[in-house]
Amino acid sequence: MFAILSKQWANVNDIKQLCGSGRDKARQIRKEIELDIKSSGKKLLDGKEKKVPMSKVIDYLNMDINYIAKMAMLEKKINNDRRN
């Protein structure tokens, strides 16, 4: 999960994995975030694949990034201990 959260931009697949939803729900979330950004007067990048800022996804999903980072560090420590 931390590998996904550390990206600057989120696509539908990233959103799908973060919230454990299907593709349709992930698209709906992305579109809601897009509308929020555009309604604030800001623009999004135009590209082949639509993406939104990961920070907006984290806010939308009300995720505790500090807790996730703490758990990622704990997981890394456990994996390192197993190797030794």
PDB file of N, CA and C in Angstrom:
ATOM      1  N   MET A   1       0.816  -1.189   0.000  1.00  0.00           N
ATOM      2  CA  MET A   1       0.000   0.000   0.000  1.00  0.00           C
ATOM      3  C   MET A   1       0.866   1.260   0.000  1.00  0.00           C
ATOM      4  N   PHE A   2       1.965   1.219   0.756  1.00  0.00           N
ATOM      5  CA  PHE A   2       2.814   2.402   0.846  1.00  0.00           C
ATOM      6  C   PHE A   2       3.425   2.748  -0.507  1.00  0.00           C
ATOM      7  N   ALA A   3       3.715   1.729  -1.325  1.00  0.00           N
ATOM      8  CA  ALA A   3       4.271   1.972  -2.658  1.00  0.00           C
ATOM      9  C   ALA A   3       3.279   2.751  -3.522  1.00  0.00           C
ATOM     10  N   ILE A   4       2.014   2.465  -3.367  1.00  0.00           N
ATOM     11  CA  ILE A   4       0.988   3.192  -4.123  1.00  0.00           C
ATOM     12  C   ILE A   4       0.858   4.612  -3.583  1.00  0.00           C
ATOM     13  N   LEU A   5       0.802   4.752  -2.274  1.00  0.00           N
ATOM     14  CA  LEU A   5       0.614   6.064  -1.649  1.00  0.00           C
ATOM     15  C   LEU A   5       1.784   7.010  -1.894  1.00  0.00           C
ATOM     16  N   SER A   6       2.946   6.470  -2.172  1.00  0.00           N
ATOM     17  CA  SER A   6       4.117   7.321  -2.377  1.00  0.00           C
ATOM     18  C   SER A   6       4.171   7.913  -3.790  1.00  0.00           C
ATOM     19  N   LYS A   7       3.254   7.514  -4.655  1.00  0.00           N
ATOM     20  CA  LYS A   7       3.189   8.089  -5.998  1.00  0.00           C
ATOM     21  C   LYS A   7       2.626   9.501  -5.910  1.00  0.00           C
ATOM     22  N   GLN A   8       3.025  10.352  -6.848  1.00  0.00           N
ATOM     23  CA  GLN A   8       2.508  11.719  -6.863  1.00  0.00           C
ATOM     24  C   GLN A   8       1.102  11.767  -7.471  1.00  0.00           C
ATOM     25  N   TRP A   9       0.841  10.919  -8.451  1.00  0.00           N
ATOM     26  CA  TRP A   9      -0.440  10.902  -9.157  1.00  0.00           C
ATOM     27  C   TRP A   9      -1.073   9.531  -9.038  1.00  0.00           C
ATOM     28  N   ALA A  10      -2.409   9.490  -8.961  1.00  0.00           N
ATOM     29  CA  ALA A  10      -3.145   8.229  -8.820  1.00  0.00           C
ATOM     30  C   ALA A  10      -4.044   8.007 -10.035  1.00  0.00           C
ATOM     31  N   ASN A  11      -3.993   6.786 -10.561  1.00  0.00           N
ATOM     32  CA  ASN A  11      -4.912   6.423 -11.630  1.00  0.00           C
ATOM     33  C   ASN A  11      -6.030   5.567 -11.038  1.00  0.00           C
ATOM     34  N   VAL A  12      -6.922   5.091 -11.875  1.00  0.00           N
ATOM     35  CA  VAL A  12      -8.066   4.310 -11.411  1.00  0.00           C
ATOM     36  C   VAL A  12      -7.606   3.040 -10.700  1.00  0.00           C
ATOM     37  N   ASN A  13      -6.582   2.383 -11.222  1.00  0.00           N
ATOM     38  CA  ASN A  13      -6.101   1.147 -10.585  1.00  0.00           C
ATOM     39  C   ASN A  13      -5.555   1.410  -9.191  1.00  0.00           C
ATOM     40  N   ASP A  14      -4.850   2.514  -9.017  1.00  0.00           N
ATOM     41  CA  ASP A  14      -4.331   2.869  -7.693  1.00  0.00           C
ATOM     42  C   ASP A  14      -5.482   3.095  -6.716  1.00  0.00           C
ATOM     43  N   ILE A  15      -6.477   3.852  -7.150  1.00  0.00           N
ATOM     44  CA  ILE A  15      -7.634   4.138  -6.295  1.00  0.00           C
ATOM     45  C   ILE A  15      -8.364   2.845  -5.955  1.00  0.00           C
ATOM     46  N   LYS A  16      -8.509   1.994  -6.945  1.00  0.00           N
ATOM     47  CA  LYS A  16      -9.176   0.697  -6.757  1.00  0.00           C
ATOM     48  C   LYS A  16      -8.474  -0.118  -5.674  1.00  0.00           C
ATOM     49  N   GLN A  17      -7.162  -0.168  -5.727  1.00  0.00           N
ATOM     50  CA  GLN A  17      -6.397  -0.943  -4.748  1.00  0.00           C
ATOM     51  C   GLN A  17      -6.458  -0.310  -3.357  1.00  0.00           C
ATOM     52  N   LEU A  18      -6.424   1.001  -3.298  1.00  0.00           N
ATOM     53  CA  LEU A  18      -6.435   1.679  -1.994  1.00  0.00           C
ATOM     54  C   LEU A  18      -7.753   1.521  -1.255  1.00  0.00           C
ATOM     55  N   CYS A  19      -8.851   1.558  -1.989  1.00  0.00           N
ATOM     56  CA  CYS A  19     -10.139   1.488  -1.290  1.00  0.00           C
ATOM     57  C   CYS A  19     -10.804   0.122  -1.421  1.00  0.00           C
ATOM     58  N   GLY A  20     -10.157  -0.817  -2.095  1.00  0.00           N
ATOM     59  CA  GLY A  20     -10.695  -2.169  -2.194  1.00  0.00           C
ATOM     60  C   GLY A  20     -12.023  -2.225  -2.925  1.00  0.00           C
ATOM     61  N   SER A  21     -12.148  -1.381  -3.920  1.00  0.00           N
ATOM     62  CA  SER A  21     -13.408  -1.314  -4.658  1.00  0.00           C
ATOM     63  C   SER A  21     -13.229  -1.855  -6.067  1.00  0.00           C
ATOM     64  N   GLY A  22     -14.299  -1.818  -6.813  1.00  0.00           N
ATOM     65  CA  GLY A  22     -14.255  -2.189  -8.216  1.00  0.00           C
ATOM     66  C   GLY A  22     -13.852  -1.006  -9.073  1.00  0.00           C
ATOM     67  N   ARG A  23     -13.693  -1.269 -10.343  1.00  0.00           N
ATOM     68  CA  ARG A  23     -13.265  -0.239 -11.282  1.00  0.00           C
ATOM     69  C   ARG A  23     -14.275   0.913 -11.394  1.00  0.00           C
ATOM     70  N   ASP A  24     -15.562   0.597 -11.403  1.00  0.00           N
ATOM     71  CA  ASP A  24     -16.584   1.640 -11.533  1.00  0.00           C
ATOM     72  C   ASP A  24     -16.558   2.608 -10.353  1.00  0.00           C
ATOM     73  N   LYS A  25     -16.445   2.091  -9.153  1.00  0.00           N
ATOM     74  CA  LYS A  25     -16.386   2.943  -7.955  1.00  0.00           C
ATOM     75  C   LYS A  25     -15.111   3.778  -7.967  1.00  0.00           C
ATOM     76  N   ALA A  26     -13.998   3.191  -8.387  1.00  0.00           N
ATOM     77  CA  ALA A  26     -12.733   3.925  -8.457  1.00  0.00           C
ATOM     78  C   ALA A  26     -12.830   5.065  -9.475  1.00  0.00           C
ATOM     79  N   ARG A  27     -13.484   4.813 -10.599  1.00  0.00           N
ATOM     80  CA  ARG A  27     -13.697   5.877 -11.594  1.00  0.00           C
ATOM     81  C   ARG A  27     -14.566   6.995 -11.013  1.00  0.00           C
ATOM     82  N   GLN A  28     -15.594   6.615 -10.280  1.00  0.00           N
ATOM     83  CA  GLN A  28     -16.481   7.600  -9.667  1.00  0.00           C
ATOM     84  C   GLN A  28     -15.699   8.482  -8.685  1.00  0.00           C
ATOM     85  N   ILE A  29     -14.856   7.864  -7.881  1.00  0.00           N
ATOM     86  CA  ILE A  29     -14.030   8.618  -6.928  1.00  0.00           C
ATOM     87  C   ILE A  29     -13.105   9.567  -7.675  1.00  0.00           C
ATOM     88  N   ARG A  30     -12.446   9.062  -8.733  1.00  0.00           N
ATOM     89  CA  ARG A  30     -11.544   9.907  -9.522  1.00  0.00           C
ATOM     90  C   ARG A  30     -12.301  11.095 -10.109  1.00  0.00           C
ATOM     91  N   LYS A  31     -13.494  10.845 -10.643  1.00  0.00           N
ATOM     92  CA  LYS A  31     -14.289  11.922 -11.241  1.00  0.00           C
ATOM     93  C   LYS A  31     -14.707  12.953 -10.196  1.00  0.00           C
ATOM     94  N   GLU A  32     -15.078  12.505  -8.999  1.00  0.00           N
ATOM     95  CA  GLU A  32     -15.439  13.437  -7.932  1.00  0.00           C
ATOM     96  C   GLU A  32     -14.252  14.310  -7.545  1.00  0.00           C
ATOM     97  N   ILE A  33     -13.074  13.715  -7.483  1.00  0.00           N
ATOM     98  CA  ILE A  33     -11.862  14.469  -7.164  1.00  0.00           C
ATOM     99  C   ILE A  33     -11.560  15.457  -8.289  1.00  0.00           C
ATOM    100  N   GLU A  34     -11.708  15.010  -9.541  1.00  0.00           N
ATOM    101  CA  GLU A  34     -11.494  15.901 -10.689  1.00  0.00           C
ATOM    102  C   GLU A  34     -12.423  17.115 -10.618  1.00  0.00           C
ATOM    103  N   LEU A  35     -13.695  16.869 -10.345  1.00  0.00           N
ATOM    104  CA  LEU A  35     -14.666  17.964 -10.256  1.00  0.00           C
ATOM    105  C   LEU A  35     -14.321  18.942  -9.146  1.00  0.00           C
ATOM    106  N   ASP A  36     -13.889  18.406  -8.012  1.00  0.00           N
ATOM    107  CA  ASP A  36     -13.499  19.248  -6.887  1.00  0.00           C
ATOM    108  C   ASP A  36     -12.321  20.149  -7.268  1.00  0.00           C
ATOM    109  N   ILE A  37     -11.350  19.575  -7.945  1.00  0.00           N
ATOM    110  CA  ILE A  37     -10.167  20.341  -8.361  1.00  0.00           C
ATOM    111  C   ILE A  37     -10.558  21.415  -9.368  1.00  0.00           C
ATOM    112  N   LYS A  38     -11.348  21.032 -10.364  1.00  0.00           N
ATOM    113  CA  LYS A  38     -11.750  21.985 -11.409  1.00  0.00           C
ATOM    114  C   LYS A  38     -12.641  23.089 -10.851  1.00  0.00           C
ATOM    115  N   SER A  39     -13.501  22.748  -9.898  1.00  0.00           N
ATOM    116  CA  SER A  39     -14.388  23.761  -9.318  1.00  0.00           C
ATOM    117  C   SER A  39     -13.618  24.779  -8.475  1.00  0.00           C
ATOM    118  N   SER A  40     -12.425  24.392  -8.036  1.00  0.00           N
ATOM    119  CA  SER A  40     -11.590  25.333  -7.276  1.00  0.00           C
ATOM    120  C   SER A  40     -10.767  26.237  -8.202  1.00  0.00           C
ATOM    121  N   GLY A  41     -10.942  26.039  -9.525  1.00  0.00           N
ATOM    122  CA  GLY A  41     -10.240  26.887 -10.487  1.00  0.00           C
ATOM    123  C   GLY A  41      -8.902  26.354 -10.946  1.00  0.00           C
ATOM    124  N   LYS A  42      -8.538  25.189 -10.475  1.00  0.00           N
ATOM    125  CA  LYS A  42      -7.260  24.598 -10.870  1.00  0.00           C
ATOM    126  C   LYS A  42      -7.461  23.673 -12.062  1.00  0.00           C
ATOM    127  N   LYS A  43      -6.368  23.337 -12.709  1.00  0.00           N
ATOM    128  CA  LYS A  43      -6.426  22.463 -13.880  1.00  0.00           C
ATOM    129  C   LYS A  43      -5.711  21.153 -13.596  1.00  0.00           C
ATOM    130  N   LEU A  44      -6.071  20.131 -14.354  1.00  0.00           N
ATOM    131  CA  LEU A  44      -5.408  18.833 -14.270  1.00  0.00           C
ATOM    132  C   LEU A  44      -4.637  18.586 -15.553  1.00  0.00           C
ATOM    133  N   LEU A  45      -3.654  17.727 -15.474  1.00  0.00           N
ATOM    134  CA  LEU A  45      -2.884  17.365 -16.652  1.00  0.00           C
ATOM    135  C   LEU A  45      -3.756  16.585 -17.628  1.00  0.00           C
ATOM    136  N   ASP A  46      -3.620  16.883 -18.894  1.00  0.00           N
ATOM    137  CA  ASP A  46      -4.288  16.098 -19.924  1.00  0.00           C
ATOM    138  C   ASP A  46      -3.307  15.051 -20.412  1.00  0.00           C
ATOM    139  N   GLY A  47      -3.744  13.828 -20.461  1.00  0.00           N
ATOM    140  CA  GLY A  47      -2.883  12.763 -20.923  1.00  0.00           C
ATOM    141  C   GLY A  47      -3.700  11.566 -21.358  1.00  0.00           C
ATOM    142  N   LYS A  48      -3.005  10.549 -21.786  1.00  0.00           N
ATOM    143  CA  LYS A  48      -3.671   9.330 -22.231  1.00  0.00           C
ATOM    144  C   LYS A  48      -4.479   8.705 -21.095  1.00  0.00           C
ATOM    145  N   GLU A  49      -3.890   8.728 -19.915  1.00  0.00           N
ATOM    146  CA  GLU A  49      -4.539   8.144 -18.742  1.00  0.00           C
ATOM    147  C   GLU A  49      -4.874   9.262 -17.760  1.00  0.00           C
ATOM    148  N   LYS A  50      -6.135   9.325 -17.326  1.00  0.00           N
ATOM    149  CA  LYS A  50      -6.534  10.365 -16.379  1.00  0.00           C
ATOM    150  C   LYS A  50      -5.993  10.027 -14.993  1.00  0.00           C
ATOM    151  N   LYS A  51      -5.377  11.037 -14.377  1.00  0.00           N
ATOM    152  CA  LYS A  51      -4.824  10.872 -13.040  1.00  0.00           C
ATOM    153  C   LYS A  51      -5.184  12.070 -12.193  1.00  0.00           C
ATOM    154  N   VAL A  52      -5.216  11.849 -10.897  1.00  0.00           N
ATOM    155  CA  VAL A  52      -5.472  12.922  -9.931  1.00  0.00           C
ATOM    156  C   VAL A  52      -4.354  12.898  -8.889  1.00  0.00           C
ATOM    157  N   PRO A  53      -4.118  14.010  -8.206  1.00  0.00           N
ATOM    158  CA  PRO A  53      -3.062  14.032  -7.189  1.00  0.00           C
ATOM    159  C   PRO A  53      -3.348  13.027  -6.065  1.00  0.00           C
ATOM    160  N   MET A  54      -2.325  12.291  -5.686  1.00  0.00           N
ATOM    161  CA  MET A  54      -2.473  11.301  -4.622  1.00  0.00           C
ATOM    162  C   MET A  54      -2.908  11.967  -3.318  1.00  0.00           C
ATOM    163  N   SER A  55      -2.436  13.169  -3.074  1.00  0.00           N
ATOM    164  CA  SER A  55      -2.829  13.862  -1.835  1.00  0.00           C
ATOM    165  C   SER A  55      -4.338  14.054  -1.762  1.00  0.00           C
ATOM    166  N   LYS A  56      -4.969  14.302  -2.905  1.00  0.00           N
ATOM    167  CA  LYS A  56      -6.431  14.459  -2.940  1.00  0.00           C
ATOM    168  C   LYS A  56      -7.128  13.125  -2.691  1.00  0.00           C
ATOM    169  N   VAL A  57      -6.546  12.034  -3.205  1.00  0.00           N
ATOM    170  CA  VAL A  57      -7.109  10.698  -2.976  1.00  0.00           C
ATOM    171  C   VAL A  57      -7.026  10.358  -1.488  1.00  0.00           C
ATOM    172  N   ILE A  58      -5.887  10.636  -0.879  1.00  0.00           N
ATOM    173  CA  ILE A  58      -5.693  10.376   0.548  1.00  0.00           C
ATOM    174  C   ILE A  58      -6.714  11.161   1.372  1.00  0.00           C
ATOM    175  N   ASP A  59      -6.896  12.421   1.016  1.00  0.00           N
ATOM    176  CA  ASP A  59      -7.895  13.246   1.719  1.00  0.00           C
ATOM    177  C   ASP A  59      -9.302  12.692   1.511  1.00  0.00           C
ATOM    178  N   TYR A  60      -9.632  12.347   0.274  1.00  0.00           N
ATOM    179  CA  TYR A  60     -10.969  11.841  -0.051  1.00  0.00           C
ATOM    180  C   TYR A  60     -11.283  10.575   0.748  1.00  0.00           C
ATOM    181  N   LEU A  61     -10.293   9.682   0.831  1.00  0.00           N
ATOM    182  CA  LEU A  61     -10.491   8.411   1.532  1.00  0.00           C
ATOM    183  C   LEU A  61     -10.277   8.535   3.040  1.00  0.00           C
ATOM    184  N   ASN A  62      -9.924   9.746   3.488  1.00  0.00           N
ATOM    185  CA  ASN A  62      -9.699  10.013   4.912  1.00  0.00           C
ATOM    186  C   ASN A  62      -8.680   9.040   5.510  1.00  0.00           C
ATOM    187  N   MET A  63      -7.571   8.872   4.811  1.00  0.00           N
ATOM    188  CA  MET A  63      -6.528   7.940   5.247  1.00  0.00           C
ATOM    189  C   MET A  63      -5.554   8.644   6.184  1.00  0.00           C
ATOM    190  N   ASP A  64      -5.084   7.919   7.181  1.00  0.00           N
ATOM    191  CA  ASP A  64      -4.101   8.439   8.134  1.00  0.00           C
ATOM    192  C   ASP A  64      -2.709   8.062   7.620  1.00  0.00           C
ATOM    193  N   ILE A  65      -2.094   8.977   6.902  1.00  0.00           N
ATOM    194  CA  ILE A  65      -0.806   8.709   6.256  1.00  0.00           C
ATOM    195  C   ILE A  65       0.292   8.429   7.284  1.00  0.00           C
ATOM    196  N   ASN A  66       0.218   9.054   8.457  1.00  0.00           N
ATOM    197  CA  ASN A  66       1.232   8.807   9.498  1.00  0.00           C
ATOM    198  C   ASN A  66       1.151   7.367   9.993  1.00  0.00           C
ATOM    199  N   TYR A  67      -0.054   6.875  10.190  1.00  0.00           N
ATOM    200  CA  TYR A  67      -0.241   5.485  10.624  1.00  0.00           C
ATOM    201  C   TYR A  67       0.265   4.521   9.551  1.00  0.00           C
ATOM    202  N   ILE A  68      -0.039   4.808   8.300  1.00  0.00           N
ATOM    203  CA  ILE A  68       0.389   3.938   7.199  1.00  0.00           C
ATOM    204  C   ILE A  68       1.909   3.914   7.114  1.00  0.00           C
ATOM    205  N   ALA A  69       2.547   5.068   7.251  1.00  0.00           N
ATOM    206  CA  ALA A  69       4.014   5.133   7.216  1.00  0.00           C
ATOM    207  C   ALA A  69       4.615   4.352   8.383  1.00  0.00           C
ATOM    208  N   LYS A  70       4.009   4.465   9.549  1.00  0.00           N
ATOM    209  CA  LYS A  70       4.475   3.734  10.734  1.00  0.00           C
ATOM    210  C   LYS A  70       4.385   2.224  10.505  1.00  0.00           C
ATOM    211  N   MET A  71       3.275   1.766   9.934  1.00  0.00           N
ATOM    212  CA  MET A  71       3.091   0.337   9.657  1.00  0.00           C
ATOM    213  C   MET A  71       4.054  -0.152   8.571  1.00  0.00           C
ATOM    214  N   ALA A  72       4.347   0.701   7.594  1.00  0.00           N
ATOM    215  CA  ALA A  72       5.300   0.333   6.546  1.00  0.00           C
ATOM    216  C   ALA A  72       6.702   0.148   7.129  1.00  0.00           C
ATOM    217  N   MET A  73       7.077   1.035   8.053  1.00  0.00           N
ATOM    218  CA  MET A  73       8.377   0.914   8.712  1.00  0.00           C
ATOM    219  C   MET A  73       8.441  -0.351   9.566  1.00  0.00           C
ATOM    220  N   LEU A  74       7.357  -0.659  10.243  1.00  0.00           N
ATOM    221  CA  LEU A  74       7.289  -1.871  11.057  1.00  0.00           C
ATOM    222  C   LEU A  74       7.408  -3.109  10.167  1.00  0.00           C
ATOM    223  N   GLU A  75       6.713  -3.110   9.049  1.00  0.00           N
ATOM    224  CA  GLU A  75       6.788  -4.231   8.110  1.00  0.00           C
ATOM    225  C   GLU A  75       8.212  -4.403   7.579  1.00  0.00           C
ATOM    226  N   LYS A  76       8.855  -3.297   7.269  1.00  0.00           N
ATOM    227  CA  LYS A  76      10.240  -3.345   6.778  1.00  0.00           C
ATOM    228  C   LYS A  76      11.164  -3.941   7.836  1.00  0.00           C
ATOM    229  N   LYS A  77      10.978  -3.524   9.084  1.00  0.00           N
ATOM    230  CA  LYS A  77      11.798  -4.050  10.184  1.00  0.00           C
ATOM    231  C   LYS A  77      11.590  -5.550  10.346  1.00  0.00           C
ATOM    232  N   ILE A  78      10.334  -5.985  10.301  1.00  0.00           N
ATOM    233  CA  ILE A  78      10.024  -7.410  10.455  1.00  0.00           C
ATOM    234  C   ILE A  78      10.672  -8.215   9.332  1.00  0.00           C
ATOM    235  N   ASN A  79      10.568  -7.697   8.097  1.00  0.00           N
ATOM    236  CA  ASN A  79      11.155  -8.397   6.953  1.00  0.00           C
ATOM    237  C   ASN A  79      12.677  -8.463   7.071  1.00  0.00           C
ATOM    238  N   ASN A  80      13.301  -7.389   7.566  1.00  0.00           N
ATOM    239  CA  ASN A  80      14.753  -7.379   7.750  1.00  0.00           C
ATOM    240  C   ASN A  80      15.164  -8.354   8.834  1.00  0.00           C
ATOM    241  N   ASP A  81      14.384  -8.432   9.916  1.00  0.00           N
ATOM    242  CA  ASP A  81      14.681  -9.354  10.998  1.00  0.00           C
ATOM    243  C   ASP A  81      14.588 -10.813  10.521  1.00  0.00           C
ATOM    244  N   ARG A  82      13.669 -11.099   9.663  1.00  0.00           N
ATOM    245  CA  ARG A  82      13.490 -12.463   9.141  1.00  0.00           C
ATOM    246  C   ARG A  82      14.671 -12.884   8.279  1.00  0.00           C
ATOM    247  N   ARG A  83      15.256 -11.924   7.573  1.00  0.00           N
ATOM    248  CA  ARG A  83      16.392 -12.223   6.703  1.00  0.00           C
ATOM    249  C   ARG A  83      17.664 -12.501   7.488  1.00  0.00           C
ATOM    250  N   ASN A  84      17.739 -11.949   8.706  1.00  0.00           N
ATOM    251  CA  ASN A  84      18.956 -12.097   9.517  1.00  0.00           C
ATOM    252  C   ASN A  84      18.898 -13.283  10.407  1.00  0.00           C
TER     253      ASN A  84
END
